[in-house]
Amino acid sequence: MEAELYRQMRDLEDRHWWFVGRRAIVASLLRSSSLPEGARMLDLGCGTGGNLAMLSEFGQVVGAELDEHAAQLAQERGLAPVVRGKLPHGLPLDAGVFHCVTLLDVLEHIDDDRATLETVNRLLAPAGQLLITVPAFPFLWGAHDVAHHHQRRYRAKGLRQLLETTGYEITTLSYCNTWLFPVAAVVRLLRRYFPGGSSGTELSLPPAPVNTLLAAVFASERHLLRMGLPFGVSLVVLAKKLR
């Protein structure tokens, strides 16, 4: 991503409804995943570190990040060590030691997602857990994806096949950001056909009451993920290492 986006994220990710809602969903899934006490956690592509505090509730966290500026911002939080590394083959980390690896809106940035999942499989301890969030539905592709240097958006079937063929058993797979999907879809399609001046890089905090409401709406989906929501702006997956 652009350096300006990292600065915006560092300022907003602790409060912005989307980040708050996603953290609530991730934390809910991790609580159900039977992680051992003091689990060794790895946040791959940790960005500016907005998830490190939440992940530290489950054990000892390490962050890994390619971008020097983002890694520095994450390290300055003082919550976890942050190493520099590149997926899929440039990570200075030991194999077979992590009880849980998170890839939170990271996989879509990487050219070779299959090799990345194979690398993560090697990093995980036996029966270790993988938690992924990615953007959903290729038809939603737009300026936001271009600005954030995405390589693709995913469908549930394709993501399931990718995980099952790289050594994982899926525990939970669901679309999310479902309640707001109709609005998001309409907005993105309108921007595609009537682009106007939007570059896709804008990230701002709504007025406090709106921000609080949107965070609560998004986070409420955590209670429904086990049954699998049929559509949404994103996908979330909890999977277990098989080999």
Protein backbone atom coordinates (compact mmCIF):
# COMPACT_ATOMS: atom_id res chain seq x y z
CA MET A 1 0.00 0.00 0.00
CA GLU A 2 0.97 3.64 -0.28
CA ALA A 3 2.85 5.22 2.66
CA GLU A 4 0.01 7.71 3.14
CA LEU A 5 -2.44 4.85 3.66
CA TYR A 6 -0.24 3.39 6.38
CA ARG A 7 -0.25 6.72 8.20
CA GLN A 8 -4.01 6.93 7.93
CA MET A 9 -4.40 3.38 9.17
CA ARG A 10 -2.22 3.95 12.20
CA ASP A 11 -4.33 6.94 13.16
CA LEU A 12 -7.71 5.30 12.59
CA GLU A 13 -7.49 1.52 13.03
CA ASP A 14 -8.00 1.63 16.79
CA ARG A 15 -11.36 3.40 16.38
CA HIS A 16 -12.73 3.00 12.83
CA TRP A 17 -15.83 0.78 12.73
CA TRP A 18 -14.46 -1.61 10.10
CA PHE A 19 -11.32 -2.44 12.08
CA VAL A 20 -13.26 -2.61 15.37
CA GLY A 21 -15.86 -4.95 13.88
CA ARG A 22 -13.27 -7.20 12.24
CA ARG A 23 -11.31 -7.51 15.50
CA ALA A 24 -14.50 -8.56 17.30
CA ILE A 25 -15.15 -11.25 14.68
CA VAL A 26 -11.55 -12.52 14.78
CA ALA A 27 -11.47 -12.59 18.59
CA SER A 28 -14.74 -14.51 18.70
CA LEU A 29 -13.42 -17.19 16.35
CA LEU A 30 -10.15 -17.47 18.25
CA ARG A 31 -12.02 -17.97 21.53
CA SER A 32 -13.77 -20.95 19.96
CA SER A 33 -10.59 -22.47 18.51
CA SER A 34 -9.25 -24.26 21.62
CA LEU A 35 -5.85 -22.58 21.56
CA PRO A 36 -3.52 -23.70 24.35
CA GLU A 37 -2.78 -21.34 27.22
CA GLY A 38 0.09 -19.04 26.30
CA ALA A 39 -0.25 -19.91 22.61
CA ARG A 40 2.45 -18.73 20.25
CA MET A 41 0.67 -16.34 17.87
CA LEU A 42 1.96 -14.92 14.58
CA ASP A 43 0.30 -11.99 12.78
CA LEU A 44 1.60 -12.11 9.21
CA GLY A 45 1.33 -8.81 7.37
CA CYS A 46 0.62 -7.07 10.66
CA GLY A 47 0.69 -3.62 9.05
CA THR A 48 0.86 -0.91 11.66
CA GLY A 49 -0.03 -3.32 14.47
CA GLY A 50 -3.71 -2.63 15.07
CA ASN A 51 -4.45 -6.30 15.86
CA LEU A 52 -1.52 -6.98 18.19
CA ALA A 53 -3.31 -5.98 21.40
CA MET A 54 -6.28 -8.21 20.63
CA LEU A 55 -4.07 -11.16 19.63
CA SER A 56 -1.95 -10.80 22.76
CA GLU A 57 -5.02 -11.82 24.78
CA PHE A 58 -4.51 -15.34 23.44
CA GLY A 59 -0.78 -15.75 24.00
CA GLN A 60 2.66 -14.54 22.98
CA VAL A 61 2.46 -12.57 19.74
CA VAL A 62 5.01 -11.90 17.01
CA GLY A 63 4.25 -9.59 14.10
CA ALA A 64 5.77 -9.82 10.62
CA GLU A 65 5.59 -7.05 8.06
CA LEU A 66 7.26 -6.27 4.74
CA ASP A 67 6.92 -2.49 4.72
CA GLU A 68 9.59 -0.75 6.79
CA HIS A 69 7.39 2.21 7.71
CA ALA A 70 4.46 0.05 8.78
CA ALA A 71 6.71 -2.29 10.78
CA GLN A 72 8.19 0.67 12.64
CA LEU A 73 4.72 1.98 13.53
CA ALA A 74 3.73 -1.50 14.75
CA GLN A 75 6.89 -1.86 16.82
CA GLU A 76 6.30 1.53 18.44
CA ARG A 77 3.13 0.17 20.01
CA GLY A 78 5.35 -1.82 22.36
CA LEU A 79 3.03 -4.83 22.33
CA ALA A 80 5.07 -7.45 20.46
CA PRO A 81 8.30 -7.93 18.52
CA VAL A 82 7.87 -7.18 14.83
CA VAL A 83 10.17 -8.76 12.26
CA ARG A 84 10.66 -7.71 8.66
CA GLY A 85 9.88 -10.36 6.09
CA LYS A 86 8.26 -11.10 2.76
CA LEU A 87 5.71 -13.73 1.87
CA PRO A 88 5.90 -16.40 0.68
CA HIS A 89 9.64 -17.19 0.93
CA GLY A 90 11.36 -14.40 2.84
CA LEU A 91 10.37 -14.83 6.50
CA PRO A 92 13.07 -15.08 9.22
CA LEU A 93 10.91 -17.41 11.36
CA ASP A 94 11.31 -20.96 12.62
CA ALA A 95 9.10 -23.71 11.23
CA GLY A 96 6.61 -25.69 13.28
CA VAL A 97 6.42 -23.42 16.32
CA PHE A 98 3.26 -21.32 16.05
CA HIS A 99 -0.08 -22.42 17.47
CA CYS A 100 -1.96 -19.79 15.44
CA VAL A 101 -1.15 -17.69 12.39
CA THR A 102 -3.38 -14.83 11.24
CA LEU A 103 -3.52 -13.38 7.72
CA LEU A 104 -5.97 -10.51 8.12
CA ASP A 105 -6.62 -8.96 4.72
CA VAL A 106 -3.15 -9.97 3.56
CA LEU A 107 -3.50 -12.93 1.18
CA GLU A 108 -5.12 -10.82 -1.53
CA HIS A 109 -1.96 -8.67 -1.73
CA ILE A 110 0.37 -11.56 -2.60
CA ASP A 111 1.04 -12.80 -6.13
CA ASP A 112 1.36 -16.47 -5.12
CA ASP A 113 -1.34 -17.19 -2.56
CA ARG A 114 -0.85 -20.96 -2.83
CA ALA A 115 2.85 -20.77 -1.95
CA THR A 116 1.95 -18.43 0.91
CA LEU A 117 -0.48 -20.93 2.43
CA GLU A 118 2.12 -23.70 2.06
CA THR A 119 4.66 -21.51 3.88
CA VAL A 120 2.18 -20.82 6.68
CA ASN A 121 1.53 -24.55 6.96
CA ARG A 122 5.24 -25.09 7.64
CA LEU A 123 5.29 -22.35 10.28
CA LEU A 124 2.38 -23.89 12.19
CA ALA A 125 2.84 -26.45 14.95
CA PRO A 126 0.96 -29.76 14.52
CA ALA A 127 -2.79 -29.08 14.51
CA GLY A 128 -2.06 -25.34 14.55
CA GLN A 129 -4.78 -22.88 13.57
CA LEU A 130 -4.91 -20.48 10.62
CA LEU A 131 -7.31 -17.52 10.56
CA ILE A 132 -7.79 -15.59 7.32
CA THR A 133 -9.86 -12.63 6.20
CA VAL A 134 -9.96 -11.60 2.54
CA PRO A 135 -12.12 -9.39 0.32
CA ALA A 136 -14.95 -11.27 -1.42
CA PHE A 137 -16.52 -11.39 -4.90
CA PRO A 138 -14.54 -10.35 -7.97
CA PHE A 139 -17.50 -8.30 -9.26
CA LEU A 140 -16.87 -5.85 -6.39
CA TRP A 141 -13.42 -5.03 -7.75
CA GLY A 142 -12.88 -1.28 -7.87
CA ALA A 143 -10.66 1.70 -7.10
CA HIS A 144 -10.29 0.58 -3.48
CA ASP A 145 -8.67 -2.68 -4.60
CA VAL A 146 -6.34 -0.90 -7.00
CA ALA A 147 -5.28 1.66 -4.38
CA HIS A 148 -4.59 -1.10 -1.83
CA HIS A 149 -2.59 -3.14 -4.37
CA HIS A 150 -4.89 -6.15 -4.26
CA GLN A 151 -4.21 -9.01 -6.67
CA ARG A 152 -7.66 -10.60 -6.43
CA ARG A 153 -10.94 -10.96 -4.55
CA TYR A 154 -12.16 -14.42 -3.50
CA ARG A 155 -15.26 -16.62 -3.64
CA ALA A 156 -15.94 -19.11 -0.85
CA LYS A 157 -15.67 -22.18 -3.10
CA GLY A 158 -12.30 -21.17 -4.52
CA LEU A 159 -10.86 -20.29 -1.12
CA ARG A 160 -12.04 -23.60 0.32
CA GLN A 161 -10.37 -25.53 -2.50
CA LEU A 162 -7.16 -23.56 -2.09
CA LEU A 163 -6.98 -24.30 1.64
CA GLU A 164 -7.90 -27.96 1.35
CA THR A 165 -5.20 -28.54 -1.28
CA THR A 166 -2.48 -26.83 0.80
CA GLY A 167 -2.92 -28.95 3.90
CA TYR A 168 -5.78 -27.52 5.97
CA GLU A 169 -9.09 -28.70 7.37
CA ILE A 170 -11.65 -25.91 7.48
CA THR A 171 -13.41 -25.35 10.78
CA THR A 172 -15.38 -22.23 9.84
CA LEU A 173 -15.80 -20.56 6.47
CA SER A 174 -18.25 -17.70 6.08
CA TYR A 175 -18.84 -14.47 4.28
CA CYS A 176 -18.92 -11.47 6.60
CA ASN A 177 -19.76 -7.78 6.50
CA THR A 178 -23.08 -9.14 5.31
CA TRP A 179 -25.55 -6.63 6.75
CA LEU A 180 -23.78 -3.79 4.95
CA PHE A 181 -23.23 -5.75 1.74
CA PRO A 182 -26.16 -4.26 -0.26
CA VAL A 183 -24.99 -0.70 0.37
CA ALA A 184 -21.34 -1.55 -0.33
CA ALA A 185 -22.22 -3.37 -3.55
CA VAL A 186 -24.32 -0.52 -4.87
CA VAL A 187 -21.67 2.07 -4.01
CA ARG A 188 -18.87 0.09 -5.64
CA LEU A 189 -20.83 -0.61 -8.79
CA LEU A 190 -21.83 3.04 -9.10
CA ARG A 191 -18.19 4.07 -8.70
CA ARG A 192 -17.22 1.64 -11.45
CA TYR A 193 -19.65 3.11 -13.96
CA PHE A 194 -19.60 6.69 -12.64
CA PRO A 195 -16.07 6.96 -11.22
CA GLY A 196 -16.03 10.69 -10.45
CA GLY A 197 -12.94 11.80 -8.56
CA SER A 198 -12.56 8.99 -6.01
CA SER A 199 -9.08 7.40 -5.92
CA GLY A 200 -10.06 4.63 -3.52
CA THR A 201 -7.51 5.75 -0.93
CA GLU A 202 -9.86 7.72 1.29
CA LEU A 203 -10.11 6.47 4.85
CA SER A 204 -11.92 8.64 7.36
CA LEU A 205 -13.72 8.26 10.66
CA PRO A 206 -17.50 8.76 10.47
CA PRO A 207 -19.26 10.86 13.10
CA ALA A 208 -19.07 9.10 16.46
CA PRO A 209 -22.71 7.86 16.64
CA VAL A 210 -22.54 6.49 13.09
CA ASN A 211 -19.14 4.90 13.73
CA THR A 212 -20.40 3.20 16.90
CA LEU A 213 -23.52 1.91 15.16
CA LEU A 214 -21.62 0.53 12.17
CA ALA A 215 -19.09 -1.19 14.45
CA ALA A 216 -21.90 -2.84 16.42
CA VAL A 217 -23.69 -3.97 13.25
CA PHE A 218 -20.52 -5.48 11.76
CA ALA A 219 -19.43 -7.10 15.04
CA SER A 220 -22.86 -8.66 15.59
CA GLU A 221 -22.15 -11.07 12.74
CA ARG A 222 -19.72 -12.97 15.01
CA HIS A 223 -22.73 -14.80 16.47
CA LEU A 224 -23.74 -16.18 13.05
CA LEU A 225 -20.47 -17.22 11.45
CA ARG A 226 -20.64 -20.85 12.56
CA MET A 227 -23.71 -21.42 10.38
CA GLY A 228 -22.09 -19.60 7.45
CA LEU A 229 -23.41 -16.33 6.07
CA PRO A 230 -24.26 -16.63 2.35
CA PHE A 231 -22.71 -13.38 1.08
CA GLY A 232 -20.73 -10.38 2.26
CA VAL A 233 -18.02 -7.89 1.40
CA SER A 234 -15.39 -10.18 2.97
CA LEU A 235 -14.68 -13.83 3.75
CA VAL A 236 -13.37 -15.19 7.05
CA VAL A 237 -11.89 -18.67 7.54
CA LEU A 238 -10.66 -20.61 10.55
CA ALA A 239 -8.75 -23.73 9.54
CA LYS A 240 -6.52 -26.37 11.14
CA LYS A 241 -3.21 -27.73 9.87
CA LEU A 242 -3.48 -31.34 8.70
CA ARG A 243 0.09 -32.00 7.57
